[in-house]
C-alpha atoms as a PDB file:
ATOM      1  CA  MET A   1     -29.627 -10.423   6.224  1.00  0.00           C
ATOM      2  CA  GLU A   2     -26.387 -11.703   4.658  1.00  0.00           C
ATOM      3  CA  GLU A   3     -24.144 -13.979   6.424  1.00  0.00           C
ATOM      4  CA  ILE A   4     -20.754 -12.226   7.458  1.00  0.00           C
ATOM      5  CA  GLY A   5     -17.756 -13.804   5.922  1.00  0.00           C
ATOM      6  CA  ARG A   6     -19.754 -15.686   3.044  1.00  0.00           C
ATOM      7  CA  LEU A   7     -18.225 -14.986  -0.462  1.00  0.00           C
ATOM      8  CA  ARG A   8     -20.584 -14.395  -3.174  1.00  0.00           C
ATOM      9  CA  GLY A   9     -20.814 -13.229  -6.747  1.00  0.00           C
ATOM     10  CA  VAL A  10     -22.152  -9.771  -7.740  1.00  0.00           C
ATOM     11  CA  GLU A  11     -24.574  -9.803 -10.379  1.00  0.00           C
ATOM     12  CA  GLY A  12     -24.786  -6.945 -12.948  1.00  0.00           C
ATOM     13  CA  PHE A  13     -21.243  -5.699 -12.102  1.00  0.00           C
ATOM     14  CA  GLU A  14     -20.637  -5.232 -15.843  1.00  0.00           C
ATOM     15  CA  LYS A  15     -23.145  -2.253 -15.776  1.00  0.00           C
ATOM     16  CA  ASP A  16     -22.245  -0.857 -12.244  1.00  0.00           C
ATOM     17  CA  PRO A  17     -19.719   2.115 -12.406  1.00  0.00           C
ATOM     18  CA  LYS A  18     -18.951   1.513  -8.825  1.00  0.00           C
ATOM     19  CA  PHE A  19     -16.750  -1.396  -9.724  1.00  0.00           C
ATOM     20  CA  ILE A  20     -14.794   0.442 -12.446  1.00  0.00           C
ATOM     21  CA  ASP A  21     -14.248   3.139  -9.794  1.00  0.00           C
ATOM     22  CA  LEU A  22     -12.955   0.725  -7.065  1.00  0.00           C
ATOM     23  CA  THR A  23     -10.864  -1.029  -9.739  1.00  0.00           C
ATOM     24  CA  CYS A  24      -9.202   2.078 -11.073  1.00  0.00           C
ATOM     25  CA  PHE A  25      -8.725   3.199  -7.468  1.00  0.00           C
ATOM     26  CA  THR A  26      -6.792  -0.134  -6.613  1.00  0.00           C
ATOM     27  CA  ILE A  27      -4.684   0.076  -9.905  1.00  0.00           C
ATOM     28  CA  ASP A  28      -3.776   3.718  -9.081  1.00  0.00           C
ATOM     29  CA  GLU A  29      -2.672   2.774  -5.587  1.00  0.00           C
ATOM     30  CA  HIS A  30      -0.636  -0.077  -6.864  1.00  0.00           C
ATOM     31  CA  ASN A  31       0.984   2.142  -9.461  1.00  0.00           C
ATOM     32  CA  LYS A  32       2.054   4.622  -7.007  1.00  0.00           C
ATOM     33  CA  LYS A  33       3.407   2.088  -4.598  1.00  0.00           C
ATOM     34  CA  LYS A  34       5.140  -0.220  -7.212  1.00  0.00           C
ATOM     35  CA  ASN A  35       6.084   2.493  -9.801  1.00  0.00           C
ATOM     36  CA  GLU A  36       4.296   0.532 -12.504  1.00  0.00           C
ATOM     37  CA  ALA A  37       1.994   1.757 -15.201  1.00  0.00           C
ATOM     38  CA  LEU A  38      -0.891  -0.679 -15.231  1.00  0.00           C
ATOM     39  CA  LYS A  39      -4.189   0.503 -16.982  1.00  0.00           C
ATOM     40  CA  LEU A  40      -7.599  -1.175 -16.578  1.00  0.00           C
ATOM     41  CA  VAL A  41      -8.724  -2.983 -19.830  1.00  0.00           C
ATOM     42  CA  LYS A  42     -11.821  -4.550 -18.365  1.00  0.00           C
ATOM     43  CA  VAL A  43     -13.408  -6.139 -15.230  1.00  0.00           C
ATOM     44  CA  VAL A  44     -14.052  -9.691 -15.662  1.00  0.00           C
ATOM     45  CA  ASN A  45     -15.538 -10.859 -12.469  1.00  0.00           C
ATOM     46  CA  VAL A  46     -16.613  -9.493  -8.926  1.00  0.00           C
ATOM     47  CA  ASN A  47     -17.202 -11.362  -5.787  1.00  0.00           C
ATOM     48  CA  GLN A  48     -18.074  -9.755  -2.326  1.00  0.00           C
ATOM     49  CA  GLN A  49     -17.595 -10.606   1.251  1.00  0.00           C
ATOM     50  CA  GLU A  50     -19.295  -8.948   4.184  1.00  0.00           C
ATOM     51  CA  VAL A  51     -16.654  -8.231   6.972  1.00  0.00           C
ATOM     52  CA  VAL A  52     -16.850  -6.694  10.171  1.00  0.00           C
ATOM     53  CA  SER A  53     -15.560  -3.278   8.916  1.00  0.00           C
ATOM     54  CA  GLY A  54     -17.521  -3.243   5.713  1.00  0.00           C
ATOM     55  CA  MET A  55     -17.485  -5.012   2.500  1.00  0.00           C
ATOM     56  CA  MET A  56     -14.394  -6.594   0.843  1.00  0.00           C
ATOM     57  CA  TYR A  57     -14.548  -6.803  -2.925  1.00  0.00           C
ATOM     58  CA  TYR A  58     -12.546  -9.321  -5.068  1.00  0.00           C
ATOM     59  CA  ILE A  59     -12.234  -8.002  -8.574  1.00  0.00           C
ATOM     60  CA  MET A  60     -10.693 -10.114 -11.318  1.00  0.00           C
ATOM     61  CA  MET A  61      -9.572  -7.734 -14.103  1.00  0.00           C
ATOM     62  CA  GLU A  62      -7.417  -7.524 -17.171  1.00  0.00           C
ATOM     63  CA  ALA A  63      -4.886  -4.635 -17.286  1.00  0.00           C
ATOM     64  CA  LEU A  64      -2.405  -3.411 -19.777  1.00  0.00           C
ATOM     65  CA  ASP A  65       1.139  -3.171 -18.489  1.00  0.00           C
ATOM     66  CA  GLU A  66       2.067  -0.076 -20.368  1.00  0.00           C
ATOM     67  CA  LYS A  67       5.682  -0.568 -19.890  1.00  0.00           C
ATOM     68  CA  ALA A  68       5.797  -4.280 -21.102  1.00  0.00           C
ATOM     69  CA  GLY A  69       3.119  -3.678 -23.714  1.00  0.00           C
ATOM     70  CA  GLN A  70       1.301  -6.769 -22.468  1.00  0.00           C
ATOM     71  CA  LYS A  71      -2.041  -7.515 -21.050  1.00  0.00           C
ATOM     72  CA  PHE A  72      -2.271  -9.386 -17.703  1.00  0.00           C
ATOM     73  CA  ARG A  73      -5.041 -10.614 -15.505  1.00  0.00           C
ATOM     74  CA  TYR A  74      -5.216  -9.737 -11.915  1.00  0.00           C
ATOM     75  CA  VAL A  75      -7.210 -10.032  -8.934  1.00  0.00           C
ATOM     76  CA  ALA A  76      -7.681  -6.946  -6.540  1.00  0.00           C
ATOM     77  CA  SER A  77      -9.073  -6.841  -3.257  1.00  0.00           C
ATOM     78  CA  VAL A  78     -10.320  -3.623  -2.002  1.00  0.00           C
ATOM     79  CA  LEU A  79     -12.212  -2.804   1.359  1.00  0.00           C
ATOM     80  CA  GLU A  80     -15.053  -0.487   1.301  1.00  0.00           C
ATOM     81  CA  LYS A  81     -15.503   0.676   5.003  1.00  0.00           C
ATOM     82  CA  SER A  82     -19.045   1.207   6.314  1.00  0.00           C
ATOM     83  CA  SER A  83     -17.896   3.354   9.154  1.00  0.00           C
ATOM     84  CA  ASP A  84     -16.704   6.285   6.976  1.00  0.00           C
ATOM     85  CA  ASN A  85     -17.617   5.234   3.389  1.00  0.00           C
ATOM     86  CA  SER A  86     -13.839   5.214   2.623  1.00  0.00           C
ATOM     87  CA  LYS A  87     -12.179   2.535   0.464  1.00  0.00           C
ATOM     88  CA  GLU A  88      -8.700   0.935   1.158  1.00  0.00           C
ATOM     89  CA  ALA A  89      -6.721  -1.102  -1.659  1.00  0.00           C
ATOM     90  CA  GLN A  90      -5.754  -4.311   0.037  1.00  0.00           C
ATOM     91  CA  ASN A  91      -3.834  -6.408  -2.665  1.00  0.00           C
ATOM     92  CA  LEU A  92      -3.329  -6.734  -6.186  1.00  0.00           C
ATOM     93  CA  VAL A  93      -2.234 -10.102  -7.378  1.00  0.00           C
ATOM     94  CA  LEU A  94      -0.826 -10.981 -10.861  1.00  0.00           C
ATOM     95  CA  LEU A  95      -2.721 -14.210 -12.163  1.00  0.00           C
ATOM     96  CA  GLY A  96      -0.920 -14.269 -15.599  1.00  0.00           C
ATOM     97  CA  GLU A  97      -0.507 -12.982 -19.156  1.00  0.00           C
ATOM     98  CA  VAL A  98      -3.705 -12.714 -21.229  1.00  0.00           C
ATOM     99  CA  GLN A  99      -3.512 -15.173 -23.937  1.00  0.00           C
ATOM    100  CA  VAL A 100      -4.748 -14.289 -27.434  1.00  0.00           C
ATOM    101  CA  LEU A 101      -6.460 -17.070 -29.151  1.00  0.00           C
END
C-alpha cells in the first residue's frame, strides 16, 4: 500500500496514453480559461501523489504556443478523483522557453 502524500515518479509514462489524455485535457482547460493556443509537443516527466480524494499527477511537458510560435516547458497538475473517476485540471505553470541547442 502506498503512503498518502508521498510523491513518486511514474515509470513507463512515455507509453501510457492516459498521460497524453490527462495532459491534453489540462491544456484544453487552460486554453479555454486564458484564451491561449497551447498545443502539446511531448510529455517530459510524470510524478504522482496519492491524496485523500484520488491521485494528483504532476506532468512536465513541452507545448507550442501557437500565437507566439515558440515552445515552452510547463508543469501541469491534474487531479484524478477516485470517487467518480472524474478529472480536474488544477494548475498549469510556465517554467520557461525550450532552448534549441
